[in-house]
């Protein structure tokens, strides 16, 4: 077997999650999607923006990131 520098890719199978949103949050997400379209000239559905927003939020939480990385290494 050949030794590759690239590690085996992680599972990238999407997982469907269903949530219920209050009307105010739904409206805010739709307004954000509109602002995204105005900023970048491309419309993206809210369902496509939410995963990126969640990933960005989690990455910005330094304490979580440090705990998560420590847990993954163990």
C-alpha atoms as a PDB file:
ATOM      1  CA  UNK A   1       0.000   0.000   0.000  1.00  0.00           C
ATOM      2  CA  UNK A   2       1.234   3.512  -0.831  1.00  0.00           C
ATOM      3  CA  UNK A   3       1.714   5.959   2.064  1.00  0.00           C
ATOM      4  CA  UNK A   4      -0.174   9.139   1.256  1.00  0.00           C
ATOM      5  CA  UNK A   5       0.262  12.489   2.987  1.00  0.00           C
ATOM      6  CA  UNK A   6      -3.469  13.105   2.683  1.00  0.00           C
ATOM      7  CA  UNK A   7      -5.413  11.403   5.461  1.00  0.00           C
ATOM      8  CA  UNK A   8      -8.609   9.530   4.716  1.00  0.00           C
ATOM      9  CA  UNK A   9     -11.425  12.035   4.215  1.00  0.00           C
ATOM     10  CA  UNK A  10     -14.031  12.351   6.960  1.00  0.00           C
ATOM     11  CA  UNK A  11     -17.603  11.272   6.418  1.00  0.00           C
ATOM     12  CA  UNK A  12     -19.241  14.073   4.445  1.00  0.00           C
ATOM     13  CA  UNK A  13     -22.698  12.580   4.201  1.00  0.00           C
ATOM     14  CA  UNK A  14     -25.172  15.372   4.964  1.00  0.00           C
ATOM     15  CA  UNK A  15     -27.400  14.872   7.984  1.00  0.00           C
ATOM     16  CA  UNK A  16     -30.918  16.257   7.860  1.00  0.00           C
ATOM     17  CA  UNK A  17     -31.983  18.188  10.952  1.00  0.00           C
ATOM     18  CA  UNK A  18     -35.491  19.542  11.373  1.00  0.00           C
ATOM     19  CA  UNK A  19     -36.130  22.444  13.748  1.00  0.00           C
ATOM     20  CA  UNK A  20     -38.998  24.757  14.570  1.00  0.00           C
ATOM     21  CA  UNK A  21     -38.239  28.480  14.482  1.00  0.00           C
ATOM     22  CA  UNK A  22     -40.153  31.326  16.015  1.00  0.00           C
ATOM     23  CA  UNK A  23     -41.595  33.640  13.347  1.00  0.00           C
ATOM     24  CA  UNK A  24     -39.207  36.456  14.303  1.00  0.00           C
ATOM     25  CA  UNK A  25     -36.137  34.284  13.742  1.00  0.00           C
ATOM     26  CA  UNK A  26     -37.491  33.008  10.439  1.00  0.00           C
ATOM     27  CA  UNK A  27     -38.059  36.599   9.316  1.00  0.00           C
ATOM     28  CA  UNK A  28     -34.539  37.588  10.415  1.00  0.00           C
ATOM     29  CA  UNK A  29     -33.033  34.662   8.475  1.00  0.00           C
ATOM     30  CA  UNK A  30     -34.952  35.656   5.361  1.00  0.00           C
ATOM     31  CA  UNK A  31     -33.759  39.249   5.740  1.00  0.00           C
ATOM     32  CA  UNK A  32     -30.195  37.954   6.126  1.00  0.00           C
ATOM     33  CA  UNK A  33     -30.570  35.903   2.942  1.00  0.00           C
ATOM     34  CA  UNK A  34     -31.731  39.057   1.157  1.00  0.00           C
ATOM     35  CA  UNK A  35     -28.746  41.015   2.501  1.00  0.00           C
ATOM     36  CA  UNK A  36     -26.489  38.187   1.332  1.00  0.00           C
ATOM     37  CA  UNK A  37     -27.981  38.425  -2.176  1.00  0.00           C
ATOM     38  CA  UNK A  38     -27.500  42.193  -2.233  1.00  0.00           C
ATOM     39  CA  UNK A  39     -23.899  41.889  -0.991  1.00  0.00           C
ATOM     40  CA  UNK A  40     -22.722  39.058  -3.228  1.00  0.00           C
ATOM     41  CA  UNK A  41     -25.095  39.259  -6.188  1.00  0.00           C
ATOM     42  CA  UNK A  42     -26.140  35.625  -5.742  1.00  0.00           C
ATOM     43  CA  UNK A  43     -29.232  34.372  -4.007  1.00  0.00           C
ATOM     44  CA  UNK A  44     -28.774  31.497  -1.564  1.00  0.00           C
ATOM     45  CA  UNK A  45     -31.657  29.797   0.200  1.00  0.00           C
ATOM     46  CA  UNK A  46     -31.781  30.134   3.966  1.00  0.00           C
ATOM     47  CA  UNK A  47     -31.322  26.359   4.245  1.00  0.00           C
ATOM     48  CA  UNK A  48     -27.912  26.741   2.550  1.00  0.00           C
ATOM     49  CA  UNK A  49     -26.872  29.697   4.707  1.00  0.00           C
ATOM     50  CA  UNK A  50     -27.744  28.176   8.093  1.00  0.00           C
ATOM     51  CA  UNK A  51     -24.997  25.489   8.104  1.00  0.00           C
ATOM     52  CA  UNK A  52     -22.365  28.105   7.225  1.00  0.00           C
ATOM     53  CA  UNK A  53     -23.717  30.446   9.901  1.00  0.00           C
ATOM     54  CA  UNK A  54     -23.622  27.698  12.539  1.00  0.00           C
ATOM     55  CA  UNK A  55     -20.099  26.649  11.562  1.00  0.00           C
ATOM     56  CA  UNK A  56     -18.925  30.265  11.746  1.00  0.00           C
ATOM     57  CA  UNK A  57     -20.550  30.728  15.142  1.00  0.00           C
ATOM     58  CA  UNK A  58     -19.012  27.562  16.575  1.00  0.00           C
ATOM     59  CA  UNK A  59     -15.585  28.407  15.170  1.00  0.00           C
ATOM     60  CA  UNK A  60     -15.796  31.852  16.795  1.00  0.00           C
ATOM     61  CA  UNK A  61     -16.425  30.282  20.219  1.00  0.00           C
ATOM     62  CA  UNK A  62     -12.791  29.851  21.274  1.00  0.00           C
ATOM     63  CA  UNK A  63     -13.596  27.888  24.439  1.00  0.00           C
ATOM     64  CA  UNK A  64     -15.703  25.392  22.488  1.00  0.00           C
ATOM     65  CA  UNK A  65     -13.089  25.041  19.763  1.00  0.00           C
ATOM     66  CA  UNK A  66     -10.351  24.323  22.299  1.00  0.00           C
ATOM     67  CA  UNK A  67     -12.469  21.723  24.143  1.00  0.00           C
ATOM     68  CA  UNK A  68     -13.543  20.131  20.863  1.00  0.00           C
ATOM     69  CA  UNK A  69     -10.001  19.848  19.535  1.00  0.00           C
ATOM     70  CA  UNK A  70      -8.825  18.390  22.838  1.00  0.00           C
ATOM     71  CA  UNK A  71     -11.647  15.822  22.796  1.00  0.00           C
ATOM     72  CA  UNK A  72     -10.916  14.855  19.174  1.00  0.00           C
ATOM     73  CA  UNK A  73      -7.240  14.244  19.989  1.00  0.00           C
ATOM     74  CA  UNK A  74      -8.106  11.980  22.926  1.00  0.00           C
END
